[in-house]
Amino acid sequence: MKKKLAYLLMSSSFFLLTGCSVIEGIFKAGVWTGILIVIVVVALVIWLISKLFGGTK
């Protein structure tokens, strides 16, 4: 349970603490680079959620 809480706090801090600077960096890097970064981040979040709540069967 402590491990899941640590992952939840860590992932929420990524989104809450650096949101504005991430958006600024995306617009500076260009649209296609931004789209690629967003796809990678979404895939990482989905993978993390599946690891946390999927379990091993």
PDB file of N, CA and C in Angstrom:
ATOM      1  N   MET A   1       0.820  -1.186   0.000  1.00  0.00           N
ATOM      2  CA  MET A   1       0.000   0.000   0.000  1.00  0.00           C
ATOM      3  C   MET A   1       0.872   1.261   0.000  1.00  0.00           C
ATOM      4  N   LYS A   2       1.963   1.229   0.762  1.00  0.00           N
ATOM      5  CA  LYS A   2       2.853   2.389   0.809  1.00  0.00           C
ATOM      6  C   LYS A   2       3.492   2.639  -0.551  1.00  0.00           C
ATOM      7  N   LYS A   3       3.778   1.560  -1.274  1.00  0.00           N
ATOM      8  CA  LYS A   3       4.405   1.693  -2.589  1.00  0.00           C
ATOM      9  C   LYS A   3       3.446   2.373  -3.571  1.00  0.00           C
ATOM     10  N   LYS A   4       2.175   1.996  -3.525  1.00  0.00           N
ATOM     11  CA  LYS A   4       1.183   2.619  -4.413  1.00  0.00           C
ATOM     12  C   LYS A   4       1.003   4.091  -4.077  1.00  0.00           C
ATOM     13  N   LEU A   5       1.012   4.412  -2.793  1.00  0.00           N
ATOM     14  CA  LEU A   5       0.877   5.804  -2.382  1.00  0.00           C
ATOM     15  C   LEU A   5       2.076   6.627  -2.840  1.00  0.00           C
ATOM     16  N   ALA A   6       3.263   6.040  -2.744  1.00  0.00           N
ATOM     17  CA  ALA A   6       4.465   6.749  -3.196  1.00  0.00           C
ATOM     18  C   ALA A   6       4.409   7.014  -4.695  1.00  0.00           C
ATOM     19  N   TYR A   7       3.975   6.015  -5.486  1.00  0.00           N
ATOM     20  CA  TYR A   7       3.837   6.211  -6.929  1.00  0.00           C
ATOM     21  C   TYR A   7       2.795   7.281  -7.246  1.00  0.00           C
ATOM     22  N   LEU A   8       1.700   7.276  -6.524  1.00  0.00           N
ATOM     23  CA  LEU A   8       0.651   8.262  -6.754  1.00  0.00           C
ATOM     24  C   LEU A   8       1.143   9.671  -6.453  1.00  0.00           C
ATOM     25  N   LEU A   9       1.840   9.842  -5.347  1.00  0.00           N
ATOM     26  CA  LEU A   9       2.368  11.168  -5.001  1.00  0.00           C
ATOM     27  C   LEU A   9       3.429  11.624  -5.993  1.00  0.00           C
ATOM     28  N   MET A  10       4.274  10.700  -6.421  1.00  0.00           N
ATOM     29  CA  MET A  10       5.327  11.049  -7.364  1.00  0.00           C
ATOM     30  C   MET A  10       4.736  11.452  -8.713  1.00  0.00           C
ATOM     31  N   SER A  11       3.768  10.681  -9.195  1.00  0.00           N
ATOM     32  CA  SER A  11       3.189  11.002 -10.500  1.00  0.00           C
ATOM     33  C   SER A  11       2.378  12.287 -10.446  1.00  0.00           C
ATOM     34  N   SER A  12       1.673  12.541  -9.356  1.00  0.00           N
ATOM     35  CA  SER A  12       0.916  13.788  -9.270  1.00  0.00           C
ATOM     36  C   SER A  12       1.835  14.994  -9.162  1.00  0.00           C
ATOM     37  N   SER A  13       2.991  14.834  -8.532  1.00  0.00           N
ATOM     38  CA  SER A  13       3.913  15.963  -8.435  1.00  0.00           C
ATOM     39  C   SER A  13       4.502  16.324  -9.798  1.00  0.00           C
ATOM     40  N   PHE A  14       4.678  15.323 -10.669  1.00  0.00           N
ATOM     41  CA  PHE A  14       5.170  15.611 -12.016  1.00  0.00           C
ATOM     42  C   PHE A  14       4.215  16.538 -12.756  1.00  0.00           C
ATOM     43  N   PHE A  15       2.919  16.313 -12.578  1.00  0.00           N
ATOM     44  CA  PHE A  15       1.935  17.109 -13.304  1.00  0.00           C
ATOM     45  C   PHE A  15       1.673  18.461 -12.649  1.00  0.00           C
ATOM     46  N   LEU A  16       1.742  18.529 -11.336  1.00  0.00           N
ATOM     47  CA  LEU A  16       1.378  19.760 -10.647  1.00  0.00           C
ATOM     48  C   LEU A  16       2.521  20.766 -10.555  1.00  0.00           C
ATOM     49  N   LEU A  17       3.756  20.292 -10.453  1.00  0.00           N
ATOM     50  CA  LEU A  17       4.858  21.207 -10.187  1.00  0.00           C
ATOM     51  C   LEU A  17       5.463  21.827 -11.441  1.00  0.00           C
ATOM     52  N   THR A  18       5.452  21.119 -12.566  1.00  0.00           N
ATOM     53  CA  THR A  18       6.164  21.620 -13.733  1.00  0.00           C
ATOM     54  C   THR A  18       5.265  21.810 -14.946  1.00  0.00           C
ATOM     55  N   GLY A  19       3.988  21.977 -14.727  1.00  0.00           N
ATOM     56  CA  GLY A  19       3.040  22.080 -15.831  1.00  0.00           C
ATOM     57  C   GLY A  19       3.330  23.233 -16.783  1.00  0.00           C
ATOM     58  N   CYS A  20       3.538  24.421 -16.268  1.00  0.00           N
ATOM     59  CA  CYS A  20       3.736  25.592 -17.127  1.00  0.00           C
ATOM     60  C   CYS A  20       5.057  25.514 -17.894  1.00  0.00           C
ATOM     61  N   SER A  21       6.092  25.064 -17.244  1.00  0.00           N
ATOM     62  CA  SER A  21       7.386  24.993 -17.928  1.00  0.00           C
ATOM     63  C   SER A  21       7.376  23.914 -19.009  1.00  0.00           C
ATOM     64  N   VAL A  22       6.627  22.839 -18.801  1.00  0.00           N
ATOM     65  CA  VAL A  22       6.522  21.786 -19.820  1.00  0.00           C
ATOM     66  C   VAL A  22       5.806  22.326 -21.047  1.00  0.00           C
ATOM     67  N   ILE A  23       4.718  23.041 -20.858  1.00  0.00           N
ATOM     68  CA  ILE A  23       3.965  23.610 -21.981  1.00  0.00           C
ATOM     69  C   ILE A  23       4.825  24.617 -22.740  1.00  0.00           C
ATOM     70  N   GLU A  24       5.570  25.433 -22.024  1.00  0.00           N
ATOM     71  CA  GLU A  24       6.451  26.406 -22.667  1.00  0.00           C
ATOM     72  C   GLU A  24       7.511  25.700 -23.514  1.00  0.00           C
ATOM     73  N   GLY A  25       8.083  24.655 -22.975  1.00  0.00           N
ATOM     74  CA  GLY A  25       9.094  23.901 -23.710  1.00  0.00           C
ATOM     75  C   GLY A  25       8.536  23.232 -24.951  1.00  0.00           C
ATOM     76  N   ILE A  26       7.298  22.744 -24.856  1.00  0.00           N
ATOM     77  CA  ILE A  26       6.662  22.105 -26.008  1.00  0.00           C
ATOM     78  C   ILE A  26       6.482  23.108 -27.138  1.00  0.00           C
ATOM     79  N   PHE A  27       6.022  24.311 -26.818  1.00  0.00           N
ATOM     80  CA  PHE A  27       5.812  25.301 -27.870  1.00  0.00           C
ATOM     81  C   PHE A  27       7.130  25.796 -28.455  1.00  0.00           C
ATOM     82  N   LYS A  28       8.169  25.833 -27.662  1.00  0.00           N
ATOM     83  CA  LYS A  28       9.463  26.238 -28.192  1.00  0.00           C
ATOM     84  C   LYS A  28      10.055  25.167 -29.104  1.00  0.00           C
ATOM     85  N   ALA A  29       9.847  23.916 -28.772  1.00  0.00           N
ATOM     86  CA  ALA A  29      10.446  22.818 -29.537  1.00  0.00           C
ATOM     87  C   ALA A  29       9.739  22.581 -30.862  1.00  0.00           C
ATOM     88  N   GLY A  30       8.491  22.926 -30.947  1.00  0.00           N
ATOM     89  CA  GLY A  30       7.751  22.718 -32.175  1.00  0.00           C
ATOM     90  C   GLY A  30       6.577  21.783 -31.959  1.00  0.00           C
ATOM     91  N   VAL A  31       5.664  21.833 -32.895  1.00  0.00           N
ATOM     92  CA  VAL A  31       4.414  21.089 -32.761  1.00  0.00           C
ATOM     93  C   VAL A  31       4.660  19.586 -32.795  1.00  0.00           C
ATOM     94  N   TRP A  32       5.438  19.100 -33.735  1.00  0.00           N
ATOM     95  CA  TRP A  32       5.621  17.649 -33.870  1.00  0.00           C
ATOM     96  C   TRP A  32       6.387  17.068 -32.701  1.00  0.00           C
ATOM     97  N   THR A  33       7.361  17.786 -32.213  1.00  0.00           N
ATOM     98  CA  THR A  33       8.077  17.328 -31.029  1.00  0.00           C
ATOM     99  C   THR A  33       7.144  17.311 -29.829  1.00  0.00           C
ATOM    100  N   GLY A  34       6.296  18.302 -29.723  1.00  0.00           N
ATOM    101  CA  GLY A  34       5.319  18.353 -28.635  1.00  0.00           C
ATOM    102  C   GLY A  34       4.337  17.207 -28.699  1.00  0.00           C
ATOM    103  N   ILE A  35       3.864  16.896 -29.905  1.00  0.00           N
ATOM    104  CA  ILE A  35       2.937  15.771 -30.063  1.00  0.00           C
ATOM    105  C   ILE A  35       3.622  14.469 -29.650  1.00  0.00           C
ATOM    106  N   LEU A  36       4.865  14.295 -30.059  1.00  0.00           N
ATOM    107  CA  LEU A  36       5.613  13.089 -29.693  1.00  0.00           C
ATOM    108  C   LEU A  36       5.796  12.987 -28.183  1.00  0.00           C
ATOM    109  N   ILE A  37       6.125  14.083 -27.539  1.00  0.00           N
ATOM    110  CA  ILE A  37       6.306  14.091 -26.086  1.00  0.00           C
ATOM    111  C   ILE A  37       4.996  13.756 -25.382  1.00  0.00           C
ATOM    112  N   VAL A  38       3.891  14.324 -25.845  1.00  0.00           N
ATOM    113  CA  VAL A  38       2.594  14.051 -25.232  1.00  0.00           C
ATOM    114  C   VAL A  38       2.222  12.577 -25.382  1.00  0.00           C
ATOM    115  N   ILE A  39       2.472  11.998 -26.544  1.00  0.00           N
ATOM    116  CA  ILE A  39       2.170  10.581 -26.756  1.00  0.00           C
ATOM    117  C   ILE A  39       3.006   9.714 -25.821  1.00  0.00           C
ATOM    118  N   VAL A  40       4.274  10.031 -25.675  1.00  0.00           N
ATOM    119  CA  VAL A  40       5.147   9.260 -24.789  1.00  0.00           C
ATOM    120  C   VAL A  40       4.687   9.383 -23.339  1.00  0.00           C
ATOM    121  N   VAL A  41       4.323  10.580 -22.912  1.00  0.00           N
ATOM    122  CA  VAL A  41       3.878  10.787 -21.528  1.00  0.00           C
ATOM    123  C   VAL A  41       2.575  10.036 -21.271  1.00  0.00           C
ATOM    124  N   VAL A  42       1.631  10.107 -22.204  1.00  0.00           N
ATOM    125  CA  VAL A  42       0.361   9.396 -22.032  1.00  0.00           C
ATOM    126  C   VAL A  42       0.601   7.889 -21.976  1.00  0.00           C
ATOM    127  N   ALA A  43       1.462   7.375 -22.835  1.00  0.00           N
ATOM    128  CA  ALA A  43       1.781   5.943 -22.816  1.00  0.00           C
ATOM    129  C   ALA A  43       2.433   5.558 -21.492  1.00  0.00           C
ATOM    130  N   LEU A  44       3.307   6.403 -20.972  1.00  0.00           N
ATOM    131  CA  LEU A  44       3.960   6.137 -19.692  1.00  0.00           C
ATOM    132  C   LEU A  44       2.954   6.124 -18.547  1.00  0.00           C
ATOM    133  N   VAL A  45       2.023   7.054 -18.552  1.00  0.00           N
ATOM    134  CA  VAL A  45       0.998   7.103 -17.506  1.00  0.00           C
ATOM    135  C   VAL A  45       0.110   5.870 -17.575  1.00  0.00           C
ATOM    136  N   ILE A  46      -0.294   5.463 -18.773  1.00  0.00           N
ATOM    137  CA  ILE A  46      -1.118   4.269 -18.926  1.00  0.00           C
ATOM    138  C   ILE A  46      -0.362   3.038 -18.447  1.00  0.00           C
ATOM    139  N   TRP A  47       0.911   2.943 -18.788  1.00  0.00           N
ATOM    140  CA  TRP A  47       1.726   1.809 -18.339  1.00  0.00           C
ATOM    141  C   TRP A  47       1.845   1.788 -16.818  1.00  0.00           C
ATOM    142  N   LEU A  48       2.060   2.964 -16.222  1.00  0.00           N
ATOM    143  CA  LEU A  48       2.195   3.056 -14.776  1.00  0.00           C
ATOM    144  C   LEU A  48       0.903   2.656 -14.073  1.00  0.00           C
ATOM    145  N   ILE A  49      -0.214   3.130 -14.575  1.00  0.00           N
ATOM    146  CA  ILE A  49      -1.506   2.774 -13.982  1.00  0.00           C
ATOM    147  C   ILE A  49      -1.767   1.279 -14.112  1.00  0.00           C
ATOM    148  N   SER A  50      -1.421   0.705 -15.260  1.00  0.00           N
ATOM    149  CA  SER A  50      -1.636  -0.730 -15.431  1.00  0.00           C
ATOM    150  C   SER A  50      -0.747  -1.538 -14.493  1.00  0.00           C
ATOM    151  N   LYS A  51       0.469  -1.066 -14.225  1.00  0.00           N
ATOM    152  CA  LYS A  51       1.345  -1.752 -13.283  1.00  0.00           C
ATOM    153  C   LYS A  51       0.848  -1.636 -11.858  1.00  0.00           C
ATOM    154  N   LEU A  52       0.299  -0.482 -11.502  1.00  0.00           N
ATOM    155  CA  LEU A  52      -0.172  -0.278 -10.138  1.00  0.00           C
ATOM    156  C   LEU A  52      -1.444  -1.064  -9.835  1.00  0.00           C
ATOM    157  N   PHE A  53      -2.391  -1.036 -10.757  1.00  0.00           N
ATOM    158  CA  PHE A  53      -3.698  -1.614 -10.475  1.00  0.00           C
ATOM    159  C   PHE A  53      -3.942  -2.934 -11.198  1.00  0.00           C
ATOM    160  N   GLY A  54      -3.064  -3.313 -12.108  1.00  0.00           N
ATOM    161  CA  GLY A  54      -3.239  -4.555 -12.835  1.00  0.00           C
ATOM    162  C   GLY A  54      -2.853  -5.784 -12.031  1.00  0.00           C
ATOM    163  N   GLY A  55      -1.782  -5.647 -11.295  1.00  0.00           N
ATOM    164  CA  GLY A  55      -1.306  -6.768 -10.506  1.00  0.00           C
ATOM    165  C   GLY A  55      -0.689  -7.857 -11.378  1.00  0.00           C
ATOM    166  N   THR A  56      -0.206  -8.901 -10.737  1.00  0.00           N
ATOM    167  CA  THR A  56       0.340 -10.037 -11.464  1.00  0.00           C
ATOM    168  C   THR A  56      -0.555 -11.235 -11.208  1.00  0.00           C
ATOM    169  N   LYS A  57      -0.991 -11.870 -12.269  1.00  0.00           N
ATOM    170  CA  LYS A  57      -1.929 -13.003 -12.126  1.00  0.00           C
ATOM    171  C   LYS A  57      -1.307 -14.257 -12.611  1.00  0.00           C
TER     172      LYS A  57
END
